[in-house]
N, C-alpha and C. Protein backbone atom coordinates (compact mmCIF):
# COMPACT_ATOMS: atom_id res chain seq x y z
N MET A 1 111.84 122.82 96.36
CA MET A 1 110.75 123.31 95.54
C MET A 1 109.63 123.85 96.40
N LYS A 2 109.08 124.99 96.04
CA LYS A 2 107.99 125.55 96.81
C LYS A 2 106.67 124.96 96.36
N ASN A 3 105.78 124.75 97.33
CA ASN A 3 104.41 124.29 97.06
C ASN A 3 104.39 123.01 96.19
N SER A 4 105.17 122.03 96.61
CA SER A 4 105.19 120.75 95.92
C SER A 4 105.19 119.64 96.95
N ALA A 5 104.76 118.44 96.51
CA ALA A 5 104.68 117.32 97.46
C ALA A 5 104.72 116.00 96.73
N VAL A 6 105.34 115.02 97.36
CA VAL A 6 105.22 113.64 96.92
C VAL A 6 103.95 113.08 97.55
N VAL A 7 103.09 112.49 96.73
CA VAL A 7 101.83 111.95 97.22
C VAL A 7 101.81 110.43 96.97
N ILE A 8 101.66 109.66 98.04
CA ILE A 8 101.54 108.23 97.88
C ILE A 8 100.14 107.94 97.36
N LEU A 9 100.08 107.41 96.14
CA LEU A 9 98.83 107.22 95.43
C LEU A 9 98.59 105.74 95.18
N SER A 10 97.69 105.15 95.96
CA SER A 10 97.46 103.70 95.84
C SER A 10 96.45 103.35 94.76
N GLY A 11 95.53 104.29 94.48
CA GLY A 11 94.43 104.00 93.58
C GLY A 11 93.12 103.80 94.32
N GLY A 12 93.21 103.76 95.66
CA GLY A 12 92.00 103.67 96.48
C GLY A 12 91.37 105.05 96.66
N ILE A 13 90.20 105.07 97.29
CA ILE A 13 89.47 106.32 97.47
C ILE A 13 90.28 107.39 98.18
N ASP A 14 90.87 107.03 99.30
CA ASP A 14 91.50 108.04 100.16
C ASP A 14 92.67 108.74 99.47
N SER A 15 93.55 107.97 98.86
CA SER A 15 94.72 108.58 98.20
C SER A 15 94.31 109.36 96.96
N CYS A 16 93.27 108.90 96.27
CA CYS A 16 92.79 109.61 95.08
C CYS A 16 92.18 110.96 95.43
N VAL A 17 91.38 110.97 96.50
CA VAL A 17 90.81 112.25 96.98
C VAL A 17 91.95 113.16 97.41
N LEU A 18 92.94 112.60 98.07
CA LEU A 18 94.08 113.40 98.52
C LEU A 18 94.82 114.03 97.33
N ALA A 19 95.02 113.27 96.26
CA ALA A 19 95.68 113.81 95.08
C ALA A 19 94.87 114.95 94.45
N PHE A 20 93.56 114.76 94.36
CA PHE A 20 92.69 115.81 93.84
C PHE A 20 92.74 117.05 94.73
N LYS A 21 92.74 116.85 96.04
CA LYS A 21 92.80 117.96 96.98
C LYS A 21 94.11 118.74 96.84
N ALA A 22 95.20 118.02 96.72
CA ALA A 22 96.49 118.68 96.59
C ALA A 22 96.60 119.47 95.29
N VAL A 23 96.19 118.86 94.19
CA VAL A 23 96.24 119.55 92.89
C VAL A 23 95.32 120.78 92.91
N GLY A 24 94.14 120.62 93.54
CA GLY A 24 93.20 121.73 93.65
C GLY A 24 93.73 122.91 94.43
N LYS A 25 94.66 122.64 95.34
CA LYS A 25 95.28 123.71 96.13
C LYS A 25 96.51 124.30 95.44
N GLY A 26 96.75 123.85 94.22
CA GLY A 26 97.88 124.40 93.46
C GLY A 26 99.22 123.77 93.79
N ILE A 27 99.20 122.61 94.48
CA ILE A 27 100.45 121.93 94.81
C ILE A 27 100.94 121.15 93.60
N GLU A 28 102.22 121.26 93.32
CA GLU A 28 102.82 120.42 92.28
C GLU A 28 103.01 119.03 92.85
N VAL A 29 102.27 118.06 92.31
CA VAL A 29 102.21 116.72 92.88
C VAL A 29 103.11 115.76 92.14
N TYR A 30 103.91 115.00 92.90
CA TYR A 30 104.71 113.92 92.38
C TYR A 30 104.13 112.62 92.94
N PRO A 31 103.27 111.93 92.14
CA PRO A 31 102.62 110.73 92.66
C PRO A 31 103.57 109.54 92.69
N LEU A 32 103.43 108.73 93.73
CA LEU A 32 104.27 107.56 93.89
C LEU A 32 103.37 106.37 94.21
N THR A 33 103.39 105.35 93.39
CA THR A 33 102.54 104.16 93.56
C THR A 33 103.43 102.93 93.69
N PHE A 34 103.06 102.06 94.65
CA PHE A 34 103.92 100.90 94.94
C PHE A 34 103.27 99.58 94.52
N VAL A 35 104.06 98.76 93.82
CA VAL A 35 103.71 97.37 93.60
C VAL A 35 104.49 96.60 94.66
N TYR A 36 103.77 96.02 95.63
CA TYR A 36 104.45 95.38 96.74
C TYR A 36 104.04 93.90 96.89
N GLY A 37 103.59 93.30 95.81
CA GLY A 37 103.23 91.90 95.85
C GLY A 37 101.75 91.68 96.08
N GLN A 38 100.92 92.71 95.80
CA GLN A 38 99.47 92.56 95.94
C GLN A 38 98.99 91.40 95.06
N LYS A 39 97.86 90.83 95.45
CA LYS A 39 97.31 89.71 94.69
C LYS A 39 96.69 90.12 93.36
N HIS A 40 96.53 91.40 93.16
CA HIS A 40 95.99 91.89 91.88
C HIS A 40 96.52 93.30 91.62
N SER A 41 96.29 93.77 90.39
CA SER A 41 96.84 95.09 90.00
C SER A 41 95.75 96.15 89.81
N LYS A 42 94.56 95.89 90.33
CA LYS A 42 93.45 96.80 90.11
C LYS A 42 93.72 98.20 90.63
N GLU A 43 94.28 98.29 91.83
CA GLU A 43 94.57 99.61 92.39
C GLU A 43 95.63 100.33 91.56
N ILE A 44 96.60 99.58 91.07
CA ILE A 44 97.63 100.21 90.23
C ILE A 44 97.01 100.82 89.00
N ASP A 45 96.10 100.06 88.38
CA ASP A 45 95.38 100.59 87.18
C ASP A 45 94.60 101.85 87.54
N SER A 46 93.98 101.85 88.71
CA SER A 46 93.23 103.03 89.14
C SER A 46 94.13 104.23 89.36
N ALA A 47 95.29 104.00 89.97
CA ALA A 47 96.25 105.09 90.19
C ALA A 47 96.64 105.71 88.86
N LYS A 48 96.87 104.88 87.85
CA LYS A 48 97.22 105.39 86.53
C LYS A 48 96.09 106.25 85.94
N LYS A 49 94.84 105.80 86.14
CA LYS A 49 93.69 106.55 85.61
C LYS A 49 93.60 107.92 86.30
N ILE A 50 93.82 107.94 87.60
CA ILE A 50 93.74 109.20 88.33
C ILE A 50 94.86 110.14 87.89
N CYS A 51 96.06 109.60 87.67
CA CYS A 51 97.15 110.43 87.17
C CYS A 51 96.79 111.02 85.80
N GLU A 52 96.18 110.22 84.98
CA GLU A 52 95.77 110.72 83.64
C GLU A 52 94.73 111.82 83.78
N GLU A 53 93.79 111.64 84.68
CA GLU A 53 92.75 112.64 84.93
C GLU A 53 93.34 113.96 85.39
N LEU A 54 94.36 113.86 86.25
CA LEU A 54 94.99 115.05 86.85
C LEU A 54 96.20 115.54 86.06
N LYS A 55 96.47 114.84 84.95
CA LYS A 55 97.63 115.22 84.10
C LYS A 55 98.93 115.15 84.91
N LEU A 56 99.07 114.06 85.67
CA LEU A 56 100.28 113.82 86.45
C LEU A 56 101.07 112.69 85.81
N ASP A 57 102.36 112.70 86.05
CA ASP A 57 103.23 111.65 85.53
C ASP A 57 103.32 110.52 86.55
N PRO A 58 102.71 109.36 86.28
CA PRO A 58 102.71 108.29 87.27
C PRO A 58 104.11 107.71 87.44
N LYS A 59 104.46 107.44 88.68
CA LYS A 59 105.72 106.75 88.95
C LYS A 59 105.39 105.49 89.74
N ILE A 60 105.53 104.33 89.09
CA ILE A 60 105.18 103.06 89.67
C ILE A 60 106.47 102.36 90.12
N ILE A 61 106.57 102.08 91.42
CA ILE A 61 107.78 101.49 91.97
C ILE A 61 107.51 100.04 92.34
N ASP A 62 108.26 99.12 91.79
CA ASP A 62 108.08 97.69 92.03
C ASP A 62 108.99 97.23 93.16
N ILE A 63 108.40 96.95 94.30
CA ILE A 63 109.15 96.37 95.43
C ILE A 63 108.49 95.03 95.80
N SER A 64 107.96 94.35 94.79
CA SER A 64 107.16 93.15 95.05
C SER A 64 107.93 92.01 95.73
N SER A 65 109.26 92.02 95.59
CA SER A 65 110.02 90.96 96.24
C SER A 65 109.94 91.06 97.76
N ILE A 66 109.46 92.18 98.27
CA ILE A 66 109.33 92.37 99.71
C ILE A 66 108.35 91.39 100.32
N LYS A 67 107.42 90.87 99.53
CA LYS A 67 106.41 89.96 100.06
C LYS A 67 107.04 88.66 100.56
N GLU A 68 108.25 88.35 100.11
CA GLU A 68 108.94 87.16 100.60
C GLU A 68 109.36 87.32 102.06
N LEU A 69 109.43 88.55 102.51
CA LEU A 69 109.79 88.83 103.91
C LEU A 69 108.57 89.05 104.79
N LEU A 70 107.50 89.58 104.19
CA LEU A 70 106.33 89.99 104.97
C LEU A 70 105.21 88.97 104.80
N LYS A 71 105.31 87.88 105.55
CA LYS A 71 104.36 86.79 105.42
C LYS A 71 103.10 87.06 106.25
N GLY A 72 102.02 86.35 105.91
CA GLY A 72 100.85 86.31 106.76
C GLY A 72 99.74 87.28 106.45
N SER A 73 99.93 88.16 105.48
CA SER A 73 98.88 89.11 105.14
C SER A 73 98.02 88.57 104.00
N ALA A 74 96.71 88.71 104.14
CA ALA A 74 95.80 88.25 103.09
C ALA A 74 95.97 89.02 101.80
N LEU A 75 96.60 90.20 101.87
CA LEU A 75 96.77 91.02 100.67
C LEU A 75 97.93 90.53 99.80
N THR A 76 98.91 89.84 100.40
CA THR A 76 100.10 89.46 99.64
C THR A 76 100.45 87.98 99.73
N ASP A 77 99.97 87.29 100.72
CA ASP A 77 100.34 85.89 100.94
C ASP A 77 99.31 84.94 100.31
N ALA A 78 99.75 84.15 99.34
CA ALA A 78 98.86 83.26 98.60
C ALA A 78 98.21 82.22 99.49
N THR A 79 98.83 81.96 100.63
CA THR A 79 98.29 80.93 101.54
C THR A 79 97.21 81.47 102.48
N VAL A 80 97.01 82.78 102.47
CA VAL A 80 96.02 83.39 103.37
C VAL A 80 94.83 83.91 102.54
N LYS A 81 93.66 83.37 102.79
CA LYS A 81 92.48 83.76 102.06
C LYS A 81 91.98 85.13 102.48
N ILE A 82 91.51 85.91 101.52
CA ILE A 82 90.91 87.20 101.85
C ILE A 82 89.52 86.93 102.45
N PRO A 83 89.30 87.35 103.69
CA PRO A 83 88.04 86.98 104.35
C PRO A 83 86.85 87.77 103.87
N GLU A 84 85.69 87.13 103.85
CA GLU A 84 84.43 87.81 103.62
C GLU A 84 83.92 88.32 104.97
N VAL A 85 83.27 89.45 104.98
CA VAL A 85 82.79 90.07 106.20
C VAL A 85 81.29 90.33 106.09
N ALA A 86 80.56 89.97 107.13
CA ALA A 86 79.12 90.23 107.14
C ALA A 86 78.87 91.73 107.14
N ALA A 87 77.77 92.13 106.49
CA ALA A 87 77.49 93.55 106.29
C ALA A 87 77.36 94.31 107.60
N GLU A 88 76.80 93.64 108.62
CA GLU A 88 76.49 94.34 109.85
C GLU A 88 77.56 94.21 110.93
N VAL A 89 78.67 93.55 110.58
CA VAL A 89 79.67 93.25 111.61
C VAL A 89 81.01 93.86 111.24
N GLU A 90 81.69 94.48 112.22
CA GLU A 90 83.05 94.91 112.05
C GLU A 90 83.91 94.02 112.93
N ASN A 91 84.49 93.00 112.32
CA ASN A 91 85.28 92.00 113.05
C ASN A 91 86.76 92.37 112.94
N TYR A 92 87.30 93.04 113.97
CA TYR A 92 88.67 93.50 113.90
C TYR A 92 89.67 92.36 113.80
N GLU A 93 89.36 91.23 114.43
CA GLU A 93 90.26 90.10 114.35
C GLU A 93 90.35 89.59 112.90
N THR A 94 89.24 89.59 112.22
CA THR A 94 89.25 89.18 110.80
C THR A 94 90.00 90.20 109.97
N LEU A 95 89.77 91.47 110.25
CA LEU A 95 90.41 92.52 109.47
C LEU A 95 91.94 92.51 109.64
N LYS A 96 92.42 92.03 110.78
CA LYS A 96 93.86 92.01 111.04
C LYS A 96 94.62 91.13 110.06
N THR A 97 93.90 90.22 109.38
CA THR A 97 94.57 89.37 108.39
C THR A 97 94.98 90.18 107.17
N THR A 98 94.44 91.39 107.02
CA THR A 98 94.79 92.24 105.87
C THR A 98 95.92 93.21 106.19
N VAL A 99 96.48 93.16 107.41
CA VAL A 99 97.58 94.02 107.77
C VAL A 99 98.86 93.54 107.10
N VAL A 100 99.54 94.43 106.39
CA VAL A 100 100.87 94.16 105.86
C VAL A 100 101.86 94.82 106.80
N PRO A 101 102.69 94.05 107.51
CA PRO A 101 103.54 94.62 108.55
C PRO A 101 104.38 95.80 108.10
N ASN A 102 104.20 96.91 108.80
CA ASN A 102 105.01 98.12 108.60
C ASN A 102 104.89 98.72 107.20
N ARG A 103 103.78 98.44 106.52
CA ARG A 103 103.63 98.87 105.12
C ARG A 103 103.80 100.36 104.93
N ASN A 104 103.07 101.17 105.70
CA ASN A 104 103.15 102.60 105.48
C ASN A 104 104.52 103.17 105.82
N ALA A 105 105.18 102.59 106.83
CA ALA A 105 106.53 103.06 107.15
C ALA A 105 107.50 102.77 106.01
N ILE A 106 107.33 101.61 105.38
CA ILE A 106 108.17 101.24 104.23
C ILE A 106 107.91 102.20 103.08
N PHE A 107 106.64 102.42 102.76
CA PHE A 107 106.29 103.33 101.66
C PHE A 107 106.80 104.74 101.95
N LEU A 108 106.57 105.20 103.15
CA LEU A 108 106.94 106.57 103.50
C LEU A 108 108.46 106.76 103.48
N SER A 109 109.19 105.76 103.90
CA SER A 109 110.66 105.86 103.86
C SER A 109 111.14 106.07 102.43
N ILE A 110 110.59 105.29 101.50
CA ILE A 110 110.97 105.46 100.08
C ILE A 110 110.51 106.82 99.57
N ALA A 111 109.28 107.21 99.96
CA ALA A 111 108.76 108.52 99.53
C ALA A 111 109.60 109.67 100.03
N VAL A 112 110.08 109.55 101.27
CA VAL A 112 110.94 110.61 101.83
C VAL A 112 112.27 110.65 101.07
N GLY A 113 112.83 109.47 100.77
CA GLY A 113 114.05 109.45 99.98
C GLY A 113 113.87 110.11 98.63
N TYR A 114 112.76 109.82 98.01
CA TYR A 114 112.41 110.43 96.71
C TYR A 114 112.26 111.95 96.86
N SER A 115 111.54 112.36 97.90
CA SER A 115 111.31 113.80 98.09
C SER A 115 112.64 114.54 98.35
N GLU A 116 113.50 113.94 99.14
CA GLU A 116 114.80 114.56 99.43
C GLU A 116 115.64 114.70 98.15
N SER A 117 115.61 113.67 97.31
CA SER A 117 116.40 113.71 96.08
C SER A 117 115.85 114.75 95.10
N MET A 118 114.56 115.06 95.24
CA MET A 118 113.90 116.02 94.35
C MET A 118 113.91 117.44 94.93
N GLY A 119 114.37 117.58 96.17
CA GLY A 119 114.31 118.89 96.81
C GLY A 119 112.92 119.28 97.23
N VAL A 120 112.06 118.28 97.47
CA VAL A 120 110.68 118.50 97.91
C VAL A 120 110.59 118.22 99.40
N ASN A 121 109.97 119.12 100.15
CA ASN A 121 109.95 118.99 101.60
C ASN A 121 108.65 118.43 102.18
N LYS A 122 107.77 117.96 101.33
CA LYS A 122 106.48 117.47 101.86
C LYS A 122 106.12 116.12 101.24
N VAL A 123 105.66 115.22 102.10
CA VAL A 123 105.14 113.90 101.68
C VAL A 123 103.74 113.76 102.25
N LEU A 124 102.78 113.38 101.40
CA LEU A 124 101.39 113.24 101.80
C LEU A 124 100.93 111.80 101.60
N TYR A 125 100.14 111.30 102.59
CA TYR A 125 99.50 110.00 102.37
C TYR A 125 98.13 109.99 103.01
N GLY A 126 97.30 109.05 102.56
CA GLY A 126 95.87 109.12 102.85
C GLY A 126 95.35 108.35 104.04
N ALA A 127 96.15 108.18 105.09
CA ALA A 127 95.66 107.52 106.30
C ALA A 127 94.46 108.26 106.86
N HIS A 128 93.47 107.51 107.37
CA HIS A 128 92.29 108.19 107.95
C HIS A 128 91.86 107.50 109.24
N HIS A 129 91.03 108.21 110.00
CA HIS A 129 90.67 107.82 111.35
C HIS A 129 89.92 106.48 111.40
N SER A 130 89.15 106.17 110.38
CA SER A 130 88.37 104.93 110.38
C SER A 130 89.26 103.69 110.43
N ASP A 131 90.53 103.82 110.01
CA ASP A 131 91.42 102.67 109.96
C ASP A 131 92.29 102.53 111.21
N ARG A 132 92.23 103.47 112.15
CA ARG A 132 93.19 103.45 113.23
C ARG A 132 93.00 102.24 114.17
N GLY A 133 91.78 101.67 114.22
CA GLY A 133 91.55 100.54 115.11
C GLY A 133 92.25 99.28 114.67
N VAL A 134 92.53 99.15 113.38
CA VAL A 134 93.11 97.92 112.82
C VAL A 134 94.55 98.14 112.34
N TYR A 135 94.79 99.31 111.73
CA TYR A 135 96.08 99.57 111.11
C TYR A 135 96.86 100.60 111.93
N PRO A 136 97.85 100.16 112.72
CA PRO A 136 98.59 101.09 113.60
C PRO A 136 99.29 102.24 112.88
N ASP A 137 99.68 102.00 111.59
CA ASP A 137 100.39 103.05 110.87
C ASP A 137 99.44 104.03 110.19
N CYS A 138 98.16 104.01 110.63
CA CYS A 138 97.21 105.02 110.18
C CYS A 138 96.81 105.92 111.34
N ARG A 139 97.60 105.92 112.40
CA ARG A 139 97.29 106.69 113.60
C ARG A 139 98.11 107.98 113.63
N VAL A 140 97.53 109.02 114.18
CA VAL A 140 98.22 110.31 114.22
C VAL A 140 99.53 110.19 115.01
N GLU A 141 99.57 109.33 116.02
CA GLU A 141 100.80 109.15 116.79
C GLU A 141 101.94 108.65 115.91
N PHE A 142 101.60 107.75 114.99
CA PHE A 142 102.61 107.24 114.05
C PHE A 142 103.09 108.36 113.13
N VAL A 143 102.16 109.09 112.58
CA VAL A 143 102.52 110.17 111.63
C VAL A 143 103.48 111.16 112.29
N GLU A 144 103.16 111.60 113.48
CA GLU A 144 104.00 112.57 114.19
C GLU A 144 105.38 111.99 114.52
N ALA A 145 105.40 110.74 115.00
CA ALA A 145 106.67 110.12 115.38
C ALA A 145 107.54 109.88 114.14
N PHE A 146 106.92 109.44 113.06
CA PHE A 146 107.68 109.17 111.85
C PHE A 146 108.26 110.45 111.25
N GLU A 147 107.48 111.50 111.26
CA GLU A 147 107.99 112.79 110.78
C GLU A 147 109.21 113.21 111.58
N SER A 148 109.12 113.09 112.88
CA SER A 148 110.23 113.48 113.76
C SER A 148 111.47 112.66 113.44
N ALA A 149 111.31 111.35 113.28
CA ALA A 149 112.44 110.47 112.99
C ALA A 149 113.06 110.79 111.64
N GLU A 150 112.23 111.06 110.63
CA GLU A 150 112.76 111.34 109.30
C GLU A 150 113.42 112.72 109.21
N ARG A 151 112.98 113.64 110.02
CA ARG A 151 113.67 114.94 110.05
C ARG A 151 115.10 114.75 110.57
N ILE A 152 115.26 113.90 111.58
CA ILE A 152 116.58 113.60 112.10
C ILE A 152 117.39 112.83 111.07
N ALA A 153 116.76 111.81 110.46
CA ALA A 153 117.46 110.95 109.52
C ALA A 153 118.00 111.72 108.31
N ASN A 154 117.29 112.76 107.93
CA ASN A 154 117.68 113.52 106.74
C ASN A 154 118.22 114.92 107.08
N ASP A 155 118.36 115.19 108.37
CA ASP A 155 118.87 116.49 108.81
C ASP A 155 118.12 117.63 108.12
N ASN A 156 116.79 117.50 108.16
CA ASN A 156 115.93 118.46 107.45
C ASN A 156 114.74 118.83 108.32
N GLU A 157 114.86 119.93 109.01
CA GLU A 157 113.78 120.38 109.91
C GLU A 157 112.56 120.88 109.12
N ASN A 158 112.72 121.08 107.82
CA ASN A 158 111.60 121.55 107.00
C ASN A 158 110.77 120.41 106.42
N LEU A 159 111.23 119.19 106.62
CA LEU A 159 110.51 118.03 106.10
C LEU A 159 109.17 117.89 106.79
N ALA A 160 108.10 117.71 106.00
CA ALA A 160 106.75 117.51 106.57
C ALA A 160 106.17 116.23 106.02
N ILE A 161 105.76 115.36 106.92
CA ILE A 161 105.01 114.15 106.53
C ILE A 161 103.59 114.35 107.05
N GLU A 162 102.66 114.46 106.13
CA GLU A 162 101.30 114.84 106.50
C GLU A 162 100.28 113.80 106.05
N ALA A 163 99.31 113.56 106.92
CA ALA A 163 98.16 112.72 106.59
C ALA A 163 96.93 113.59 106.88
N PRO A 164 96.52 114.40 105.90
CA PRO A 164 95.45 115.39 106.14
C PRO A 164 94.12 114.79 106.57
N PHE A 165 93.91 113.48 106.34
CA PHE A 165 92.62 112.86 106.67
C PHE A 165 92.71 112.04 107.96
N VAL A 166 93.80 112.18 108.71
CA VAL A 166 94.03 111.29 109.84
C VAL A 166 92.96 111.43 110.95
N ASN A 167 92.30 112.57 110.98
CA ASN A 167 91.23 112.77 111.96
C ASN A 167 89.83 112.76 111.32
N MET A 168 89.76 112.29 110.08
CA MET A 168 88.48 112.22 109.35
C MET A 168 88.10 110.76 109.14
N ASP A 169 86.79 110.49 109.09
CA ASP A 169 86.39 109.13 108.74
C ASP A 169 86.18 109.05 107.23
N LYS A 170 85.96 107.85 106.72
CA LYS A 170 85.92 107.65 105.27
C LYS A 170 84.74 108.37 104.62
N SER A 171 83.62 108.46 105.33
CA SER A 171 82.45 109.16 104.74
C SER A 171 82.77 110.64 104.54
N GLN A 172 83.52 111.24 105.44
CA GLN A 172 83.90 112.65 105.29
C GLN A 172 84.84 112.81 104.09
N ILE A 173 85.72 111.84 103.87
CA ILE A 173 86.61 111.89 102.73
C ILE A 173 85.81 111.80 101.44
N ILE A 174 84.81 110.94 101.41
CA ILE A 174 83.96 110.81 100.24
C ILE A 174 83.19 112.10 99.96
N LYS A 175 82.68 112.73 101.00
CA LYS A 175 82.00 114.01 100.82
C LYS A 175 82.95 115.02 100.19
N LEU A 176 84.17 115.07 100.67
CA LEU A 176 85.17 115.99 100.11
C LEU A 176 85.44 115.64 98.65
N GLY A 177 85.63 114.35 98.39
CA GLY A 177 85.89 113.92 97.01
C GLY A 177 84.76 114.26 96.09
N ASP A 178 83.53 114.16 96.59
CA ASP A 178 82.37 114.52 95.76
C ASP A 178 82.41 115.99 95.38
N LYS A 179 82.78 116.84 96.32
CA LYS A 179 82.90 118.28 96.05
C LYS A 179 84.01 118.56 95.05
N LEU A 180 85.07 117.77 95.12
CA LEU A 180 86.25 118.00 94.26
C LEU A 180 86.07 117.39 92.89
N GLY A 181 85.00 116.63 92.71
CA GLY A 181 84.77 115.99 91.41
C GLY A 181 85.62 114.76 91.15
N VAL A 182 85.98 114.05 92.22
CA VAL A 182 86.78 112.83 92.06
C VAL A 182 85.96 111.78 91.30
N PRO A 183 86.51 111.17 90.26
CA PRO A 183 85.78 110.13 89.52
C PRO A 183 85.84 108.81 90.30
N PHE A 184 84.92 108.63 91.21
CA PHE A 184 84.97 107.46 92.10
C PHE A 184 84.90 106.14 91.34
N ALA A 185 84.32 106.15 90.14
CA ALA A 185 84.25 104.95 89.34
C ALA A 185 85.64 104.47 88.93
N ASP A 186 86.62 105.38 88.93
CA ASP A 186 87.98 105.02 88.57
C ASP A 186 88.83 104.59 89.77
N THR A 187 88.24 104.62 90.98
CA THR A 187 88.99 104.18 92.15
C THR A 187 88.71 102.70 92.40
N TRP A 188 89.60 102.09 93.15
CA TRP A 188 89.43 100.66 93.44
C TRP A 188 89.66 100.41 94.94
N SER A 189 88.74 99.63 95.53
CA SER A 189 88.83 99.32 96.96
C SER A 189 88.95 97.82 97.25
N CYS A 190 88.44 96.98 96.38
CA CYS A 190 88.28 95.55 96.66
C CYS A 190 89.61 94.82 96.83
N TYR A 191 89.70 94.00 97.88
CA TYR A 191 90.90 93.21 98.11
C TYR A 191 90.99 91.99 97.17
N VAL A 192 89.85 91.55 96.66
CA VAL A 192 89.81 90.32 95.87
C VAL A 192 90.38 90.54 94.47
N GLY A 193 89.95 91.61 93.81
CA GLY A 193 90.54 91.95 92.51
C GLY A 193 89.92 91.24 91.34
N THR A 194 88.64 90.88 91.42
CA THR A 194 87.95 90.32 90.26
C THR A 194 87.57 91.47 89.32
N ASP A 195 86.80 91.16 88.27
CA ASP A 195 86.48 92.19 87.28
C ASP A 195 85.77 93.39 87.88
N ILE A 196 84.90 93.12 88.85
CA ILE A 196 84.23 94.20 89.58
C ILE A 196 84.37 93.95 91.07
N HIS A 197 84.08 94.96 91.88
CA HIS A 197 84.20 94.82 93.33
C HIS A 197 83.37 93.64 93.82
N CYS A 198 83.95 92.82 94.70
CA CYS A 198 83.24 91.64 95.20
C CYS A 198 82.06 92.01 96.09
N GLY A 199 82.19 93.11 96.81
CA GLY A 199 81.09 93.57 97.67
C GLY A 199 81.08 92.97 99.07
N THR A 200 81.92 91.97 99.34
CA THR A 200 81.84 91.29 100.64
C THR A 200 83.15 91.27 101.42
N CYS A 201 84.28 91.68 100.82
CA CYS A 201 85.50 91.77 101.61
C CYS A 201 85.40 93.00 102.52
N SER A 202 86.30 93.09 103.49
CA SER A 202 86.19 94.18 104.49
C SER A 202 86.31 95.55 103.82
N SER A 203 87.13 95.65 102.80
CA SER A 203 87.31 96.96 102.14
C SER A 203 86.06 97.34 101.36
N CYS A 204 85.42 96.37 100.70
CA CYS A 204 84.16 96.66 99.99
C CYS A 204 83.07 97.07 100.99
N ARG A 205 83.00 96.36 102.11
CA ARG A 205 82.02 96.69 103.13
C ARG A 205 82.21 98.10 103.64
N GLU A 206 83.47 98.47 103.91
CA GLU A 206 83.79 99.81 104.39
C GLU A 206 83.40 100.85 103.34
N ARG A 207 83.68 100.55 102.09
CA ARG A 207 83.36 101.47 101.00
C ARG A 207 81.86 101.69 100.91
N LYS A 208 81.09 100.60 100.89
CA LYS A 208 79.62 100.72 100.82
C LYS A 208 79.09 101.55 101.98
N ARG A 209 79.54 101.22 103.19
CA ARG A 209 79.04 101.91 104.40
C ARG A 209 79.38 103.40 104.33
N ALA A 210 80.58 103.74 103.88
CA ALA A 210 80.99 105.15 103.85
C ALA A 210 80.20 105.95 102.82
N PHE A 211 79.94 105.36 101.66
CA PHE A 211 79.13 106.07 100.67
C PHE A 211 77.70 106.32 101.20
N LEU A 212 77.15 105.32 101.89
CA LEU A 212 75.81 105.49 102.46
C LEU A 212 75.79 106.59 103.52
N GLU A 213 76.81 106.60 104.39
CA GLU A 213 76.88 107.61 105.43
C GLU A 213 77.10 108.99 104.85
N ALA A 214 77.82 109.06 103.75
CA ALA A 214 78.10 110.36 103.09
C ALA A 214 76.92 110.82 102.26
N ASN A 215 75.95 109.94 102.03
CA ASN A 215 74.80 110.25 101.17
C ASN A 215 75.26 110.62 99.75
N VAL A 216 76.26 109.87 99.29
CA VAL A 216 76.80 110.04 97.93
C VAL A 216 76.63 108.71 97.21
N ILE A 217 76.25 108.75 95.97
CA ILE A 217 76.04 107.51 95.19
C ILE A 217 77.38 106.96 94.74
N ASP A 218 77.62 105.68 95.05
CA ASP A 218 78.83 105.00 94.59
C ASP A 218 78.56 104.46 93.18
N PRO A 219 79.31 104.90 92.16
CA PRO A 219 79.07 104.44 90.81
C PRO A 219 79.59 103.04 90.54
N THR A 220 80.26 102.45 91.52
CA THR A 220 80.87 101.13 91.33
C THR A 220 79.79 100.05 91.26
N GLU A 221 79.98 99.14 90.32
CA GLU A 221 79.06 98.00 90.19
C GLU A 221 79.57 96.87 91.07
N TYR A 222 78.69 96.36 91.93
CA TYR A 222 79.07 95.26 92.83
C TYR A 222 78.57 93.92 92.33
N LEU A 223 79.35 92.92 92.57
CA LEU A 223 78.97 91.57 92.17
C LEU A 223 77.82 91.06 93.03
N LYS A 224 77.88 91.39 94.35
CA LYS A 224 76.85 90.92 95.27
C LYS A 224 76.78 91.82 96.49
């Protein structure tokens, strides 16, 4: 298919902006959202809202049994508490508890299989530069190496795995989303998953900081 792409849509800011960007460029988007044993479904709900806004058909894939193999992440392991982070501190050791081993490679492998079955040669995901210090699968080196491996695996030199935000920080993504009219109130960032964003987990802290740096008002109501 020409001018089409599978987009991994988590329901967070980055993937939602990416979906809006792709649709705005006239790309036929096939959104793919994963249930992988997260402690809450808030992001999934957000992904559905964004699909509704963009008039896309949501495809929710349940691979939640995978959490039995991927222990130790605060996002999926009930024995690991989601850490609170001080507003002025970026503690990478604390943030490492939120790493789900090989998550993006797992998602991308499924997305590539989906794209190949659909005759689509492009897969997009929202990795960005602000995450490269903690999440290895958000680095440009990973994107390039994975694309090369998947081209060989599928005997498809036309296959493209792209992370358009990989050299952008989160505030730049928010600025772009603001221009595109992304409904940020419908996105979800919080790892805790209460009724509203907790405001103190690492993802909430990053979200707050990025909106401030972008000089864009975050419509999200914070608990604290």
